[in-house]
Amino acid sequence: MTIDPPPEPAPGPGEPVPSSPAGRADLAGPVAPVRGARAAFRHWRRTRPFWATVWTALGGFVIFFLPMAPLGKILQVGVGGIAGMAGGVVLMAMALLMLLPGQRHTAGVIAVIAGVASFPLSNLGGLFVGMVLSVLGGSMAFAWLPEKPARRKGGPFRRRSRPAGVSVGSGSA
């Protein structure tokens, strides 16, 4: 049987906290992959219109599932039920297409058109919620631009150096 040594007493107020290499390695082990995954997701998210995709997909989800009912009821309702489901599917497909940065303009315009078309075709556009979310997401996708590189030191109105011996007000006239 092995007997473990007694634990060290906790440091009192004002005493330095002892640091051990083993303690730091234990903390860094499980945290490092999580930080790396979060950083990778953050980079991926910032290189495409992520929030536009979220709002458009949520609007399509609302428009798609609001008229959901048993198939017999949808066939009795007619065009409203089928158009609502088709509009929701189109919006969710456009949300996926927005994740391709080169297709954001086309997908954004189609999402806005489908969102506005859902108003007369599908229960007032998912009781206005789905229509507003899809128009918001489509317009955000259309307006999205990739991140710009960091500005140069000195800002946009940086002074240029002048050759020696040239003054600001000198000139011949």
Protein backbone atom coordinates (compact mmCIF):
# COMPACT_ATOMS: atom_id res chain seq x y z
CA MET A 1 0.00 0.00 0.00
CA THR A 2 1.37 3.41 -0.96
CA ILE A 3 0.92 6.34 1.35
CA ASP A 4 0.58 9.73 -0.31
CA PRO A 5 2.38 12.66 1.30
CA PRO A 6 0.12 15.17 3.05
CA PRO A 7 -1.00 18.13 0.94
CA GLU A 8 0.93 21.35 1.28
CA PRO A 9 -0.83 24.08 3.25
CA ALA A 10 -2.52 26.83 1.25
CA PRO A 11 -0.59 30.11 1.10
CA GLY A 12 -1.80 32.78 3.48
CA PRO A 13 -2.64 36.35 2.58
CA GLY A 14 0.37 38.19 1.23
CA GLU A 15 2.38 35.02 0.55
CA PRO A 16 3.36 34.24 -3.05
CA VAL A 17 1.54 31.39 -4.74
CA PRO A 18 3.99 28.61 -5.58
CA SER A 19 4.07 27.69 -9.24
CA SER A 20 5.07 24.28 -10.39
CA PRO A 21 5.77 23.25 -13.95
CA ALA A 22 3.48 20.25 -13.53
CA GLY A 23 0.59 22.49 -12.49
CA ARG A 24 0.95 24.68 -15.57
CA ALA A 25 1.20 21.70 -17.89
CA ASP A 26 -1.99 20.26 -16.45
CA LEU A 27 -3.83 23.51 -17.20
CA ALA A 28 -2.38 23.96 -20.68
CA GLY A 29 -3.16 20.43 -21.86
CA PRO A 30 -6.96 20.43 -22.20
CA VAL A 31 -7.25 24.20 -22.77
CA ALA A 32 -4.87 24.46 -25.75
CA PRO A 33 -7.00 22.48 -28.26
CA VAL A 34 -10.09 24.44 -27.27
CA ARG A 35 -8.30 27.75 -27.81
CA GLY A 36 -6.99 26.55 -31.16
CA ALA A 37 -10.46 25.43 -32.26
CA ARG A 38 -12.01 28.72 -31.16
CA ALA A 39 -9.35 30.69 -33.02
CA ALA A 40 -9.86 28.60 -36.15
CA PHE A 41 -13.64 29.06 -35.97
CA ARG A 42 -13.21 32.81 -35.37
CA HIS A 43 -10.97 33.07 -38.46
CA TRP A 44 -13.41 31.01 -40.56
CA ARG A 45 -16.37 33.08 -39.35
CA ARG A 46 -14.66 36.39 -40.15
CA THR A 47 -13.90 35.38 -43.73
CA ARG A 48 -17.54 34.96 -44.73
CA PRO A 49 -20.93 36.61 -43.98
CA PHE A 50 -21.64 34.40 -40.97
CA TRP A 51 -24.34 36.48 -39.23
CA ALA A 52 -26.16 37.06 -42.52
CA THR A 53 -26.28 33.29 -42.92
CA VAL A 54 -27.63 32.83 -39.40
CA TRP A 55 -30.44 35.37 -39.85
CA THR A 56 -31.42 34.08 -43.30
CA ALA A 57 -31.48 30.45 -42.13
CA LEU A 58 -33.54 31.39 -39.08
CA GLY A 59 -36.01 33.29 -41.28
CA GLY A 60 -36.27 30.34 -43.66
CA PHE A 61 -36.77 28.00 -40.71
CA VAL A 62 -39.66 30.10 -39.39
CA ILE A 63 -41.28 30.37 -42.83
CA PHE A 64 -40.82 26.64 -43.47
CA PHE A 65 -42.15 25.31 -40.18
CA LEU A 66 -44.98 27.76 -39.52
CA PRO A 67 -47.34 26.20 -42.08
CA MET A 68 -46.28 22.65 -41.12
CA ALA A 69 -49.28 20.46 -40.62
CA PRO A 70 -50.28 16.97 -41.64
CA LEU A 71 -50.08 16.50 -45.41
CA GLY A 72 -53.88 16.31 -45.75
CA LYS A 73 -54.24 19.76 -44.19
CA ILE A 74 -51.52 21.25 -46.40
CA LEU A 75 -53.20 19.88 -49.53
CA GLN A 76 -56.50 21.39 -48.38
CA VAL A 77 -54.86 24.75 -47.72
CA GLY A 78 -53.34 24.61 -51.18
CA VAL A 79 -50.80 27.06 -52.51
CA GLY A 80 -50.22 28.75 -49.14
CA GLY A 81 -48.93 25.63 -47.46
CA ILE A 82 -46.82 24.43 -50.36
CA ALA A 83 -45.45 27.91 -51.16
CA GLY A 84 -44.53 28.43 -47.53
CA MET A 85 -42.57 25.23 -47.42
CA ALA A 86 -40.89 25.95 -50.78
CA GLY A 87 -39.98 29.50 -49.72
CA GLY A 88 -38.46 28.22 -46.49
CA VAL A 89 -36.40 25.63 -48.35
CA VAL A 90 -35.17 28.27 -50.81
CA LEU A 91 -34.17 30.58 -47.96
CA MET A 92 -32.31 27.85 -46.10
CA ALA A 93 -30.50 26.90 -49.33
CA MET A 94 -29.53 30.54 -49.89
CA ALA A 95 -28.22 30.67 -46.33
CA LEU A 96 -25.91 27.76 -47.10
CA LEU A 97 -24.87 29.38 -50.37
CA MET A 98 -23.96 32.58 -48.50
CA LEU A 99 -21.18 30.69 -46.76
CA LEU A 100 -19.33 30.77 -50.08
CA PRO A 101 -18.03 34.36 -50.09
CA GLY A 102 -18.05 34.59 -53.89
CA GLN A 103 -21.78 33.81 -54.05
CA ARG A 104 -22.91 36.24 -51.36
CA HIS A 105 -24.35 38.84 -53.74
CA THR A 106 -26.53 36.42 -55.68
CA ALA A 107 -27.65 34.54 -52.59
CA GLY A 108 -28.38 37.80 -50.76
CA VAL A 109 -30.58 39.15 -53.55
CA ILE A 110 -32.47 35.86 -53.90
CA ALA A 111 -32.95 35.72 -50.10
CA VAL A 112 -34.43 39.22 -50.05
CA ILE A 113 -36.76 38.41 -52.96
CA ALA A 114 -37.85 35.11 -51.38
CA GLY A 115 -38.36 36.81 -48.02
CA VAL A 116 -40.56 39.53 -49.49
CA ALA A 117 -42.42 36.97 -51.63
CA SER A 118 -43.20 34.97 -48.51
CA PHE A 119 -45.45 37.76 -47.28
CA PRO A 120 -48.35 37.06 -49.67
CA LEU A 121 -47.51 33.38 -50.19
CA SER A 122 -46.98 32.08 -46.68
CA ASN A 123 -48.93 33.24 -43.63
CA LEU A 124 -47.81 36.87 -43.84
CA GLY A 125 -44.18 35.88 -44.23
CA GLY A 126 -44.05 33.67 -41.17
CA LEU A 127 -46.06 36.20 -39.16
CA PHE A 128 -43.62 38.92 -40.24
CA VAL A 129 -40.78 37.33 -38.22
CA GLY A 130 -39.47 35.07 -40.98
CA MET A 131 -39.81 37.78 -43.59
CA VAL A 132 -37.92 40.37 -41.52
CA LEU A 133 -35.15 37.92 -40.61
CA SER A 134 -34.65 36.76 -44.19
CA VAL A 135 -34.63 40.32 -45.60
CA LEU A 136 -32.17 41.36 -42.88
CA GLY A 137 -29.89 38.41 -43.59
CA GLY A 138 -30.05 38.84 -47.36
CA SER A 139 -29.22 42.52 -47.17
CA MET A 140 -26.35 41.83 -44.75
CA ALA A 141 -24.95 39.22 -47.14
CA PHE A 142 -25.15 41.63 -50.07
CA ALA A 143 -23.39 44.39 -48.12
CA TRP A 144 -20.72 42.21 -46.48
CA LEU A 145 -17.09 42.90 -47.32
CA PRO A 146 -14.04 40.91 -46.27
CA GLU A 147 -11.86 42.34 -43.51
CA LYS A 148 -9.56 45.10 -44.61
CA PRO A 149 -5.86 44.91 -43.79
CA ALA A 150 -4.64 46.94 -40.82
CA ARG A 151 -3.95 50.61 -41.50
CA ARG A 152 -0.42 51.85 -41.83
CA LYS A 153 1.19 53.60 -38.92
CA GLY A 154 0.34 57.28 -38.90
CA GLY A 155 -3.19 57.05 -40.22
CA PRO A 156 -4.62 58.24 -43.54
CA PHE A 157 -3.22 61.80 -43.25
CA ARG A 158 0.39 60.87 -42.65
CA ARG A 159 2.86 63.63 -43.35
CA ARG A 160 5.38 62.99 -46.05
CA SER A 161 8.96 63.92 -45.46
CA ARG A 162 10.32 66.81 -47.49
CA PRO A 163 13.81 67.06 -48.90
CA ALA A 164 16.22 69.09 -46.79
CA GLY A 165 16.27 72.78 -47.54
CA VAL A 166 12.67 73.00 -48.86
CA SER A 167 10.32 75.05 -46.75
CA VAL A 168 6.56 74.92 -46.81
CA GLY A 169 5.89 78.50 -47.94
CA SER A 170 8.77 78.89 -50.38
CA GLY A 171 8.01 79.30 -53.98
CA SER A 172 8.70 81.69 -56.80
CA ALA A 173 5.94 83.85 -58.06
